[in-house]
Amino acid sequence: MSADQDRRDRQRVLDGDVEAFRGIVERWQGPLVNLAYRFCGDPSLAEELAQEAFLQAYRKLGGWRGEGALSTWLFAVATNVYRSKLRRRRLPTVPLDALAGAAVAAAGDEPLEARDERRLVRAAVRRLPGRYREAILLFYFLELDLREAAAVLGLPEGTLKSHLHRGRKLLEKRLARLLGGRSRNPEDVRWSRWSEHSSPTKS
């Protein structure tokens, strides 16, 4: 249903009904803000980035020809915006060693709390090289399928698979170094569990 609504609203916007874009925003604001938050880790900045993504999408709406889903096109526009904007600004970050140390200290002799583990994983993902970070965010955290994630990034599926594999291995290596035996092996845990699809303010 949303795909048909997207096409109808797009055509109405192109025909001069500016208000029709509101429907697109209402349907896709949550996913775009969520993706922005996974990129930056700052709820306020995530809202700002998503607004800029929608502005760019509005300006370029005629460029979507209706081939494939509007969501794929929107995520591609948004990913480009987030990548570009965040490249220009230095975000304050807490060293991973400090995050891991605090989590381990709080846990004592017990296994890490799931929430602390998710927080550490998300922080580690944001510190991956861009090509691996974007692949993991789209495939595991936003839960796009391989075809759609590859289309968003403009990559062949085989290249995306390679980025996912290398990104996972790099992430597992870093987490193992930080936590030793305190965290479950990432291969034994569903990645969607780490993404915790909730609003940014609750993540």
N, C-alpha and C. Protein backbone atom coordinates (compact mmCIF):
# COMPACT_ATOMS: atom_id res chain seq x y z
N MET A 1 0.82 -1.20 0.00
CA MET A 1 0.00 0.00 0.00
C MET A 1 0.86 1.26 0.00
N SER A 2 1.91 1.30 0.84
CA SER A 2 2.74 2.49 0.92
C SER A 2 3.44 2.77 -0.40
N ALA A 3 3.81 1.71 -1.14
CA ALA A 3 4.46 1.93 -2.44
C ALA A 3 3.53 2.65 -3.40
N ASP A 4 2.25 2.26 -3.42
CA ASP A 4 1.29 2.94 -4.28
C ASP A 4 1.08 4.38 -3.81
N GLN A 5 1.01 4.58 -2.50
CA GLN A 5 0.85 5.93 -1.97
C GLN A 5 2.05 6.80 -2.31
N ASP A 6 3.25 6.22 -2.22
CA ASP A 6 4.46 6.96 -2.57
C ASP A 6 4.40 7.44 -4.01
N ARG A 7 3.99 6.56 -4.91
CA ARG A 7 3.92 6.93 -6.32
C ARG A 7 2.87 8.00 -6.56
N ARG A 8 1.73 7.86 -5.90
CA ARG A 8 0.68 8.86 -6.07
C ARG A 8 1.12 10.22 -5.54
N ASP A 9 1.73 10.20 -4.36
CA ASP A 9 2.17 11.47 -3.77
C ASP A 9 3.28 12.11 -4.59
N ARG A 10 4.18 11.29 -5.10
CA ARG A 10 5.23 11.85 -5.95
C ARG A 10 4.63 12.55 -7.15
N GLN A 11 3.69 11.89 -7.81
CA GLN A 11 3.09 12.49 -8.99
C GLN A 11 2.34 13.77 -8.66
N ARG A 12 1.66 13.78 -7.51
CA ARG A 12 0.94 14.99 -7.10
C ARG A 12 1.91 16.14 -6.85
N VAL A 13 3.05 15.83 -6.22
CA VAL A 13 4.06 16.88 -5.99
C VAL A 13 4.57 17.42 -7.32
N LEU A 14 4.87 16.52 -8.24
CA LEU A 14 5.38 16.96 -9.55
C LEU A 14 4.33 17.73 -10.33
N ASP A 15 3.06 17.48 -10.02
CA ASP A 15 1.98 18.21 -10.68
C ASP A 15 1.68 19.54 -10.00
N GLY A 16 2.43 19.85 -8.94
CA GLY A 16 2.28 21.15 -8.29
C GLY A 16 1.65 21.14 -6.92
N ASP A 17 1.25 19.97 -6.42
CA ASP A 17 0.63 19.89 -5.09
C ASP A 17 1.74 19.65 -4.05
N VAL A 18 2.32 20.75 -3.57
CA VAL A 18 3.44 20.66 -2.65
C VAL A 18 3.07 19.92 -1.37
N GLU A 19 1.83 20.08 -0.91
CA GLU A 19 1.40 19.47 0.33
C GLU A 19 1.44 17.93 0.28
N ALA A 20 1.42 17.37 -0.92
CA ALA A 20 1.43 15.92 -1.04
C ALA A 20 2.73 15.32 -0.53
N PHE A 21 3.79 16.13 -0.46
CA PHE A 21 5.06 15.62 0.04
C PHE A 21 4.97 15.29 1.52
N ARG A 22 4.00 15.90 2.20
CA ARG A 22 3.82 15.63 3.62
C ARG A 22 3.56 14.14 3.88
N GLY A 23 2.82 13.50 2.97
CA GLY A 23 2.54 12.08 3.14
C GLY A 23 3.80 11.25 3.08
N ILE A 24 4.72 11.60 2.19
CA ILE A 24 5.99 10.88 2.09
C ILE A 24 6.79 11.06 3.37
N VAL A 25 6.81 12.29 3.88
CA VAL A 25 7.55 12.56 5.12
C VAL A 25 6.98 11.75 6.27
N GLU A 26 5.64 11.75 6.39
CA GLU A 26 5.01 11.04 7.50
C GLU A 26 5.29 9.54 7.46
N ARG A 27 5.34 8.97 6.26
CA ARG A 27 5.59 7.53 6.14
C ARG A 27 7.04 7.16 6.42
N TRP A 28 7.98 8.04 6.06
CA TRP A 28 9.38 7.66 6.10
C TRP A 28 10.23 8.44 7.08
N GLN A 29 9.61 9.32 7.85
CA GLN A 29 10.38 10.10 8.82
C GLN A 29 11.05 9.21 9.87
N GLY A 30 10.31 8.26 10.42
CA GLY A 30 10.87 7.37 11.43
C GLY A 30 12.11 6.62 10.96
N PRO A 31 12.02 5.91 9.82
CA PRO A 31 13.21 5.20 9.34
C PRO A 31 14.39 6.11 9.03
N LEU A 32 14.13 7.30 8.47
CA LEU A 32 15.25 8.19 8.13
C LEU A 32 15.91 8.77 9.37
N VAL A 33 15.10 9.11 10.39
CA VAL A 33 15.68 9.60 11.64
C VAL A 33 16.46 8.48 12.32
N ASN A 34 15.91 7.27 12.30
CA ASN A 34 16.59 6.12 12.90
C ASN A 34 17.93 5.88 12.23
N LEU A 35 17.95 5.93 10.91
CA LEU A 35 19.20 5.72 10.19
C LEU A 35 20.20 6.82 10.52
N ALA A 36 19.72 8.06 10.58
CA ALA A 36 20.61 9.17 10.92
C ALA A 36 21.21 8.99 12.31
N TYR A 37 20.39 8.52 13.24
CA TYR A 37 20.89 8.31 14.60
C TYR A 37 21.96 7.23 14.62
N ARG A 38 21.79 6.18 13.81
CA ARG A 38 22.80 5.13 13.75
C ARG A 38 24.11 5.67 13.19
N PHE A 39 24.02 6.67 12.33
CA PHE A 39 25.23 7.28 11.78
C PHE A 39 25.95 8.14 12.82
N CYS A 40 25.17 8.93 13.59
CA CYS A 40 25.81 9.97 14.41
C CYS A 40 25.71 9.74 15.92
N GLY A 41 24.71 8.99 16.39
CA GLY A 41 24.57 8.74 17.81
C GLY A 41 24.06 9.92 18.61
N ASP A 42 23.55 10.96 17.93
CA ASP A 42 23.05 12.15 18.61
C ASP A 42 21.60 12.39 18.17
N PRO A 43 20.62 12.27 19.09
CA PRO A 43 19.22 12.40 18.70
C PRO A 43 18.87 13.73 18.04
N SER A 44 19.38 14.84 18.56
CA SER A 44 19.09 16.15 17.98
C SER A 44 19.69 16.29 16.59
N LEU A 45 20.93 15.86 16.45
CA LEU A 45 21.58 15.91 15.15
C LEU A 45 20.89 14.99 14.16
N ALA A 46 20.40 13.84 14.63
CA ALA A 46 19.70 12.90 13.76
C ALA A 46 18.46 13.56 13.15
N GLU A 47 17.71 14.30 13.95
CA GLU A 47 16.53 15.02 13.45
C GLU A 47 16.95 16.04 12.39
N GLU A 48 18.02 16.75 12.66
CA GLU A 48 18.52 17.76 11.72
C GLU A 48 18.95 17.12 10.40
N LEU A 49 19.66 16.01 10.49
CA LEU A 49 20.13 15.33 9.28
C LEU A 49 18.95 14.80 8.47
N ALA A 50 17.95 14.24 9.15
CA ALA A 50 16.79 13.72 8.44
C ALA A 50 16.03 14.83 7.73
N GLN A 51 15.92 16.00 8.36
CA GLN A 51 15.27 17.14 7.71
C GLN A 51 16.01 17.54 6.44
N GLU A 52 17.34 17.55 6.52
CA GLU A 52 18.13 17.88 5.33
C GLU A 52 17.95 16.83 4.25
N ALA A 53 17.85 15.55 4.65
CA ALA A 53 17.63 14.48 3.67
C ALA A 53 16.29 14.66 2.96
N PHE A 54 15.24 15.00 3.71
CA PHE A 54 13.93 15.22 3.09
C PHE A 54 13.97 16.44 2.16
N LEU A 55 14.69 17.47 2.55
CA LEU A 55 14.81 18.65 1.70
C LEU A 55 15.47 18.28 0.37
N GLN A 56 16.54 17.50 0.45
CA GLN A 56 17.21 17.06 -0.77
C GLN A 56 16.30 16.16 -1.60
N ALA A 57 15.55 15.29 -0.92
CA ALA A 57 14.64 14.40 -1.63
C ALA A 57 13.55 15.19 -2.36
N TYR A 58 13.05 16.22 -1.71
CA TYR A 58 12.02 17.07 -2.35
C TYR A 58 12.58 17.72 -3.60
N ARG A 59 13.78 18.25 -3.50
CA ARG A 59 14.38 18.94 -4.64
C ARG A 59 14.67 17.99 -5.79
N LYS A 60 14.95 16.73 -5.45
CA LYS A 60 15.35 15.77 -6.48
C LYS A 60 14.26 14.77 -6.83
N LEU A 61 13.04 15.03 -6.36
CA LEU A 61 11.98 14.03 -6.49
C LEU A 61 11.73 13.62 -7.94
N GLY A 62 11.92 14.54 -8.86
CA GLY A 62 11.74 14.20 -10.26
C GLY A 62 12.76 13.19 -10.76
N GLY A 63 13.84 13.02 -10.00
CA GLY A 63 14.87 12.07 -10.40
C GLY A 63 14.50 10.63 -10.12
N TRP A 64 13.49 10.44 -9.27
CA TRP A 64 13.01 9.07 -9.04
C TRP A 64 11.98 8.74 -10.10
N ARG A 65 12.26 7.75 -10.91
CA ARG A 65 11.41 7.43 -12.06
C ARG A 65 10.34 6.40 -11.75
N GLY A 66 10.24 6.03 -10.49
CA GLY A 66 9.23 5.03 -10.14
C GLY A 66 9.70 3.61 -10.32
N GLU A 67 10.98 3.44 -10.65
CA GLU A 67 11.54 2.10 -10.80
C GLU A 67 12.06 1.64 -9.44
N GLY A 68 11.51 0.57 -8.93
CA GLY A 68 11.85 0.14 -7.58
C GLY A 68 11.07 0.95 -6.56
N ALA A 69 11.39 0.73 -5.30
CA ALA A 69 10.64 1.39 -4.23
C ALA A 69 11.20 2.78 -3.96
N LEU A 70 10.30 3.70 -3.61
CA LEU A 70 10.73 5.04 -3.22
C LEU A 70 11.65 4.96 -2.01
N SER A 71 11.40 4.01 -1.10
CA SER A 71 12.23 3.89 0.09
C SER A 71 13.70 3.66 -0.26
N THR A 72 13.96 2.84 -1.28
CA THR A 72 15.34 2.60 -1.69
C THR A 72 16.00 3.89 -2.14
N TRP A 73 15.26 4.65 -2.93
CA TRP A 73 15.78 5.94 -3.42
C TRP A 73 15.97 6.91 -2.26
N LEU A 74 15.01 6.96 -1.34
CA LEU A 74 15.10 7.85 -0.18
C LEU A 74 16.31 7.51 0.69
N PHE A 75 16.51 6.22 0.94
CA PHE A 75 17.65 5.81 1.77
C PHE A 75 18.97 6.16 1.08
N ALA A 76 19.00 6.08 -0.24
CA ALA A 76 20.22 6.45 -0.96
C ALA A 76 20.49 7.95 -0.82
N VAL A 77 19.43 8.76 -0.99
CA VAL A 77 19.58 10.21 -0.81
C VAL A 77 20.04 10.51 0.62
N ALA A 78 19.38 9.88 1.59
CA ALA A 78 19.70 10.13 3.00
C ALA A 78 21.12 9.71 3.32
N THR A 79 21.54 8.54 2.85
CA THR A 79 22.90 8.07 3.14
C THR A 79 23.93 9.03 2.60
N ASN A 80 23.70 9.54 1.40
CA ASN A 80 24.63 10.52 0.82
C ASN A 80 24.67 11.79 1.64
N VAL A 81 23.50 12.25 2.10
CA VAL A 81 23.44 13.46 2.93
C VAL A 81 24.18 13.25 4.24
N TYR A 82 23.90 12.13 4.91
CA TYR A 82 24.53 11.87 6.21
C TYR A 82 26.04 11.75 6.05
N ARG A 83 26.45 11.04 5.04
CA ARG A 83 27.89 10.85 4.81
C ARG A 83 28.57 12.20 4.58
N SER A 84 27.95 13.04 3.74
CA SER A 84 28.53 14.32 3.41
C SER A 84 28.57 15.27 4.61
N LYS A 85 27.46 15.35 5.33
CA LYS A 85 27.37 16.27 6.47
C LYS A 85 28.32 15.87 7.59
N LEU A 86 28.39 14.59 7.88
CA LEU A 86 29.21 14.14 9.00
C LEU A 86 30.69 14.18 8.68
N ARG A 87 31.01 14.15 7.39
CA ARG A 87 32.41 14.26 6.99
C ARG A 87 32.96 15.65 7.33
N ARG A 88 32.05 16.64 7.36
CA ARG A 88 32.48 18.02 7.57
C ARG A 88 32.50 18.45 9.03
N ARG A 89 31.96 17.65 9.91
CA ARG A 89 31.92 18.05 11.31
C ARG A 89 32.53 16.97 12.20
N ARG A 90 33.23 17.41 13.21
CA ARG A 90 33.89 16.49 14.12
C ARG A 90 32.96 16.23 15.30
N LEU A 91 32.45 15.01 15.38
CA LEU A 91 31.53 14.67 16.45
C LEU A 91 32.31 14.29 17.70
N PRO A 92 31.84 14.75 18.86
CA PRO A 92 32.51 14.33 20.11
C PRO A 92 32.31 12.83 20.33
N THR A 93 33.38 12.14 20.63
CA THR A 93 33.28 10.69 20.83
C THR A 93 34.01 10.30 22.11
N VAL A 94 33.48 9.30 22.77
CA VAL A 94 34.15 8.72 23.93
C VAL A 94 34.95 7.52 23.43
N PRO A 95 36.22 7.41 23.78
CA PRO A 95 37.03 6.27 23.32
C PRO A 95 36.36 4.94 23.65
N LEU A 96 36.46 3.99 22.73
CA LEU A 96 35.85 2.68 22.95
C LEU A 96 36.40 2.02 24.20
N ASP A 97 37.69 2.20 24.45
CA ASP A 97 38.28 1.60 25.64
C ASP A 97 37.58 2.10 26.90
N ALA A 98 37.24 3.40 26.90
CA ALA A 98 36.57 3.97 28.07
C ALA A 98 35.16 3.41 28.21
N LEU A 99 34.44 3.31 27.09
CA LEU A 99 33.09 2.75 27.12
C LEU A 99 33.11 1.31 27.63
N ALA A 100 34.05 0.52 27.08
CA ALA A 100 34.13 -0.88 27.48
C ALA A 100 34.53 -1.00 28.94
N GLY A 101 35.48 -0.16 29.39
CA GLY A 101 35.91 -0.21 30.78
C GLY A 101 34.78 0.10 31.74
N ALA A 102 33.97 1.10 31.39
CA ALA A 102 32.85 1.47 32.25
C ALA A 102 31.82 0.35 32.32
N ALA A 103 31.55 -0.28 31.16
CA ALA A 103 30.57 -1.36 31.13
C ALA A 103 31.04 -2.56 31.93
N VAL A 104 32.31 -2.90 31.79
CA VAL A 104 32.86 -4.05 32.53
C VAL A 104 32.89 -3.77 34.03
N ALA A 105 33.26 -2.53 34.39
CA ALA A 105 33.31 -2.19 35.81
C ALA A 105 31.93 -2.26 36.44
N ALA A 106 30.91 -1.80 35.70
CA ALA A 106 29.55 -1.82 36.22
C ALA A 106 29.04 -3.25 36.37
N ALA A 107 29.49 -4.13 35.48
CA ALA A 107 29.01 -5.51 35.51
C ALA A 107 29.67 -6.33 36.60
N GLY A 108 30.87 -5.93 37.01
CA GLY A 108 31.58 -6.71 38.01
C GLY A 108 31.95 -8.07 37.45
N ASP A 109 31.61 -9.12 38.17
CA ASP A 109 31.92 -10.47 37.72
C ASP A 109 30.82 -11.08 36.88
N GLU A 110 29.74 -10.33 36.65
CA GLU A 110 28.61 -10.83 35.89
C GLU A 110 28.78 -10.53 34.40
N PRO A 111 28.04 -11.25 33.55
CA PRO A 111 28.05 -10.90 32.11
C PRO A 111 27.54 -9.49 31.91
N LEU A 112 27.94 -8.87 30.82
CA LEU A 112 27.49 -7.52 30.52
C LEU A 112 25.97 -7.47 30.38
N GLU A 113 25.38 -6.39 30.84
CA GLU A 113 23.97 -6.17 30.60
C GLU A 113 23.75 -6.03 29.10
N ALA A 114 22.61 -6.54 28.61
CA ALA A 114 22.34 -6.49 27.18
C ALA A 114 22.36 -5.05 26.66
N ARG A 115 21.81 -4.12 27.44
CA ARG A 115 21.79 -2.73 27.01
C ARG A 115 23.19 -2.16 26.87
N ASP A 116 24.09 -2.49 27.81
CA ASP A 116 25.47 -2.02 27.72
C ASP A 116 26.17 -2.62 26.51
N GLU A 117 25.88 -3.89 26.26
CA GLU A 117 26.49 -4.55 25.11
C GLU A 117 26.03 -3.90 23.81
N ARG A 118 24.72 -3.62 23.71
CA ARG A 118 24.20 -2.97 22.50
C ARG A 118 24.83 -1.60 22.31
N ARG A 119 24.95 -0.85 23.40
CA ARG A 119 25.53 0.50 23.30
C ARG A 119 26.97 0.43 22.81
N LEU A 120 27.71 -0.52 23.32
CA LEU A 120 29.11 -0.65 22.92
C LEU A 120 29.22 -1.07 21.46
N VAL A 121 28.36 -2.00 21.04
CA VAL A 121 28.39 -2.46 19.66
C VAL A 121 28.06 -1.30 18.71
N ARG A 122 27.03 -0.54 19.03
CA ARG A 122 26.66 0.58 18.16
C ARG A 122 27.79 1.60 18.07
N ALA A 123 28.44 1.86 19.19
CA ALA A 123 29.57 2.79 19.18
C ALA A 123 30.71 2.24 18.33
N ALA A 124 30.95 0.93 18.42
CA ALA A 124 32.02 0.32 17.62
C ALA A 124 31.67 0.36 16.14
N VAL A 125 30.41 0.16 15.79
CA VAL A 125 29.99 0.22 14.39
C VAL A 125 30.24 1.61 13.82
N ARG A 126 29.92 2.65 14.61
CA ARG A 126 30.11 4.01 14.10
C ARG A 126 31.58 4.34 13.85
N ARG A 127 32.49 3.56 14.44
CA ARG A 127 33.91 3.82 14.27
C ARG A 127 34.54 2.96 13.18
N LEU A 128 33.74 2.14 12.52
CA LEU A 128 34.26 1.35 11.41
C LEU A 128 34.56 2.24 10.21
N PRO A 129 35.44 1.81 9.30
CA PRO A 129 35.61 2.53 8.04
C PRO A 129 34.25 2.68 7.33
N GLY A 130 34.07 3.81 6.66
CA GLY A 130 32.77 4.16 6.10
C GLY A 130 32.10 3.07 5.28
N ARG A 131 32.84 2.40 4.40
CA ARG A 131 32.21 1.42 3.51
C ARG A 131 31.65 0.24 4.30
N TYR A 132 32.32 -0.12 5.40
CA TYR A 132 31.82 -1.22 6.22
C TYR A 132 30.69 -0.74 7.13
N ARG A 133 30.85 0.45 7.68
CA ARG A 133 29.82 1.00 8.57
C ARG A 133 28.48 1.12 7.84
N GLU A 134 28.49 1.69 6.64
CA GLU A 134 27.24 1.89 5.92
C GLU A 134 26.59 0.57 5.55
N ALA A 135 27.39 -0.39 5.14
CA ALA A 135 26.85 -1.70 4.79
C ALA A 135 26.17 -2.35 6.00
N ILE A 136 26.83 -2.30 7.16
CA ILE A 136 26.27 -2.93 8.36
C ILE A 136 25.04 -2.18 8.84
N LEU A 137 25.05 -0.86 8.80
CA LEU A 137 23.90 -0.09 9.25
C LEU A 137 22.66 -0.40 8.41
N LEU A 138 22.82 -0.46 7.11
CA LEU A 138 21.67 -0.68 6.23
C LEU A 138 21.17 -2.12 6.31
N PHE A 139 22.09 -3.07 6.32
CA PHE A 139 21.68 -4.48 6.26
C PHE A 139 21.23 -5.02 7.62
N TYR A 140 22.00 -4.74 8.66
CA TYR A 140 21.68 -5.31 9.96
C TYR A 140 20.79 -4.41 10.82
N PHE A 141 21.07 -3.12 10.83
CA PHE A 141 20.34 -2.24 11.72
C PHE A 141 19.02 -1.75 11.10
N LEU A 142 19.05 -1.40 9.82
CA LEU A 142 17.81 -0.98 9.16
C LEU A 142 17.07 -2.18 8.59
N GLU A 143 17.76 -3.33 8.53
CA GLU A 143 17.20 -4.60 8.07
C GLU A 143 16.68 -4.56 6.64
N LEU A 144 17.42 -3.86 5.76
CA LEU A 144 17.14 -3.96 4.33
C LEU A 144 17.66 -5.31 3.84
N ASP A 145 17.03 -5.83 2.78
CA ASP A 145 17.57 -7.07 2.24
C ASP A 145 18.80 -6.74 1.40
N LEU A 146 19.51 -7.78 0.99
CA LEU A 146 20.79 -7.59 0.31
C LEU A 146 20.63 -6.78 -0.97
N ARG A 147 19.59 -7.08 -1.73
CA ARG A 147 19.37 -6.37 -3.00
C ARG A 147 19.13 -4.89 -2.76
N GLU A 148 18.27 -4.57 -1.78
CA GLU A 148 17.93 -3.17 -1.54
C GLU A 148 19.11 -2.40 -0.94
N ALA A 149 19.81 -3.03 0.00
CA ALA A 149 20.97 -2.36 0.59
C ALA A 149 22.04 -2.08 -0.46
N ALA A 150 22.25 -3.04 -1.37
CA ALA A 150 23.22 -2.83 -2.45
C ALA A 150 22.77 -1.69 -3.36
N ALA A 151 21.47 -1.61 -3.64
CA ALA A 151 20.95 -0.54 -4.49
C ALA A 151 21.11 0.82 -3.82
N VAL A 152 20.87 0.88 -2.52
CA VAL A 152 21.03 2.14 -1.79
C VAL A 152 22.46 2.65 -1.90
N LEU A 153 23.42 1.74 -1.77
CA LEU A 153 24.83 2.12 -1.79
C LEU A 153 25.42 2.16 -3.19
N GLY A 154 24.64 1.74 -4.20
CA GLY A 154 25.14 1.73 -5.56
C GLY A 154 26.24 0.73 -5.77
N LEU A 155 26.13 -0.42 -5.11
CA LEU A 155 27.16 -1.45 -5.17
C LEU A 155 26.60 -2.75 -5.76
N PRO A 156 27.44 -3.55 -6.41
CA PRO A 156 27.03 -4.92 -6.75
C PRO A 156 26.79 -5.70 -5.46
N GLU A 157 25.89 -6.66 -5.50
CA GLU A 157 25.60 -7.44 -4.31
C GLU A 157 26.84 -8.16 -3.78
N GLY A 158 27.69 -8.64 -4.68
CA GLY A 158 28.90 -9.32 -4.24
C GLY A 158 29.82 -8.40 -3.45
N THR A 159 29.91 -7.14 -3.87
CA THR A 159 30.75 -6.17 -3.15
C THR A 159 30.16 -5.89 -1.78
N LEU A 160 28.82 -5.76 -1.72
CA LEU A 160 28.19 -5.54 -0.42
C LEU A 160 28.44 -6.72 0.52
N LYS A 161 28.33 -7.94 0.00
CA LYS A 161 28.60 -9.12 0.83
C LYS A 161 30.02 -9.07 1.39
N SER A 162 30.96 -8.65 0.56
CA SER A 162 32.35 -8.55 1.00
C SER A 162 32.49 -7.51 2.10
N HIS A 163 31.84 -6.35 1.93
CA HIS A 163 31.91 -5.30 2.95
C HIS A 163 31.30 -5.79 4.27
N LEU A 164 30.17 -6.51 4.17
CA LEU A 164 29.53 -7.03 5.38
C LEU A 164 30.44 -8.02 6.10
N HIS A 165 31.04 -8.90 5.32
CA HIS A 165 31.92 -9.91 5.92
C HIS A 165 33.13 -9.26 6.60
N ARG A 166 33.77 -8.34 5.90
CA ARG A 166 34.95 -7.70 6.47
C ARG A 166 34.59 -6.80 7.64
N GLY A 167 33.45 -6.12 7.53
CA GLY A 167 33.02 -5.27 8.63
C GLY A 167 32.72 -6.07 9.88
N ARG A 168 32.05 -7.23 9.71
CA ARG A 168 31.75 -8.09 10.85
C ARG A 168 33.04 -8.58 11.53
N LYS A 169 33.97 -9.03 10.71
CA LYS A 169 35.21 -9.57 11.27
C LYS A 169 35.98 -8.49 12.02
N LEU A 170 36.03 -7.29 11.45
CA LEU A 170 36.74 -6.19 12.10
C LEU A 170 36.05 -5.83 13.42
N LEU A 171 34.74 -5.80 13.39
CA LEU A 171 33.98 -5.47 14.60
C LEU A 171 34.17 -6.53 15.68
N GLU A 172 34.10 -7.80 15.28
CA GLU A 172 34.28 -8.88 16.24
C GLU A 172 35.68 -8.84 16.86
N LYS A 173 36.67 -8.53 16.04
CA LYS A 173 38.04 -8.46 16.55
C LYS A 173 38.18 -7.34 17.58
N ARG A 174 37.58 -6.19 17.27
CA ARG A 174 37.68 -5.06 18.20
C ARG A 174 36.94 -5.34 19.50
N LEU A 175 35.76 -5.93 19.39
CA LEU A 175 34.99 -6.23 20.59
C LEU A 175 35.68 -7.30 21.44
N ALA A 176 36.28 -8.27 20.77
CA ALA A 176 37.00 -9.31 21.51
C ALA A 176 38.17 -8.71 22.27
N ARG A 177 38.87 -7.76 21.63
CA ARG A 177 40.00 -7.10 22.29
C ARG A 177 39.53 -6.29 23.49
N LEU A 178 38.40 -5.62 23.34
CA LEU A 178 37.91 -4.76 24.41
C LEU A 178 37.31 -5.53 25.58
N LEU A 179 36.60 -6.61 25.24
CA LEU A 179 35.82 -7.29 26.26
C LEU A 179 36.32 -8.68 26.63
N GLY A 180 37.20 -9.22 25.80
CA GLY A 180 37.68 -10.56 26.08
C GLY A 180 36.52 -11.52 26.11
N GLY A 181 36.40 -12.31 27.16
CA GLY A 181 35.32 -13.28 27.26
C GLY A 181 34.06 -12.73 27.87
N ARG A 182 33.98 -11.41 28.07
CA ARG A 182 32.83 -10.83 28.75
C ARG A 182 31.62 -10.70 27.86
N SER A 183 31.80 -10.80 26.54
CA SER A 183 30.68 -10.65 25.62
C SER A 183 30.50 -11.92 24.82
N ARG A 184 29.29 -12.23 24.46
CA ARG A 184 29.04 -13.40 23.62
C ARG A 184 29.65 -13.18 22.24
N ASN A 185 30.02 -14.27 21.61
CA ASN A 185 30.55 -14.19 20.26
C ASN A 185 29.49 -13.60 19.34
N PRO A 186 29.83 -12.53 18.56
CA PRO A 186 28.84 -11.92 17.69
C PRO A 186 28.18 -12.89 16.72
N GLU A 187 28.88 -13.96 16.37
CA GLU A 187 28.28 -14.93 15.45
C GLU A 187 27.12 -15.68 16.10
N ASP A 188 27.07 -15.69 17.43
CA ASP A 188 26.03 -16.42 18.14
C ASP A 188 24.83 -15.55 18.51
N VAL A 189 24.87 -14.27 18.15
CA VAL A 189 23.82 -13.34 18.53
C VAL A 189 23.24 -12.69 17.29
N ARG A 190 21.90 -12.62 17.20
CA ARG A 190 21.28 -11.95 16.06
C ARG A 190 21.67 -10.47 16.08
N TRP A 191 22.12 -9.98 14.92
CA TRP A 191 22.54 -8.59 14.86
C TRP A 191 21.38 -7.63 15.09
N SER A 192 20.17 -8.02 14.70
CA SER A 192 19.03 -7.13 14.90
C SER A 192 18.82 -6.87 16.39
N ARG A 193 19.27 -7.79 17.24
CA ARG A 193 19.16 -7.61 18.67
C ARG A 193 19.99 -6.40 19.11
N TRP A 194 21.11 -6.18 18.45
CA TRP A 194 21.96 -5.04 18.79
C TRP A 194 21.37 -3.74 18.28
N SER A 195 20.61 -3.81 17.18
CA SER A 195 20.11 -2.57 16.59
C SER A 195 18.99 -1.97 17.43
N GLU A 196 18.24 -2.79 18.14
CA GLU A 196 17.17 -2.36 19.02
C GLU A 196 16.35 -1.26 18.36
N HIS A 197 15.42 -1.64 17.49
CA HIS A 197 14.67 -0.68 16.71
C HIS A 197 13.71 0.12 17.59
N SER A 198 14.26 1.08 18.30
CA SER A 198 13.46 1.98 19.11
C SER A 198 13.79 3.40 18.72
N SER A 199 13.11 4.35 19.31
CA SER A 199 13.38 5.74 18.98
C SER A 199 14.77 6.10 19.46
N PRO A 200 15.45 7.07 18.79
CA PRO A 200 16.80 7.43 19.18
C PRO A 200 16.95 7.80 20.64
N THR A 201 15.95 8.44 21.21
CA THR A 201 16.08 8.89 22.58
C THR A 201 16.05 7.73 23.59
N LYS A 202 15.62 6.55 23.11
CA LYS A 202 15.56 5.39 24.00
C LYS A 202 16.66 4.39 23.73
N SER A 203 17.54 4.67 22.80
CA SER A 203 18.54 3.69 22.38
C SER A 203 19.70 3.66 23.36
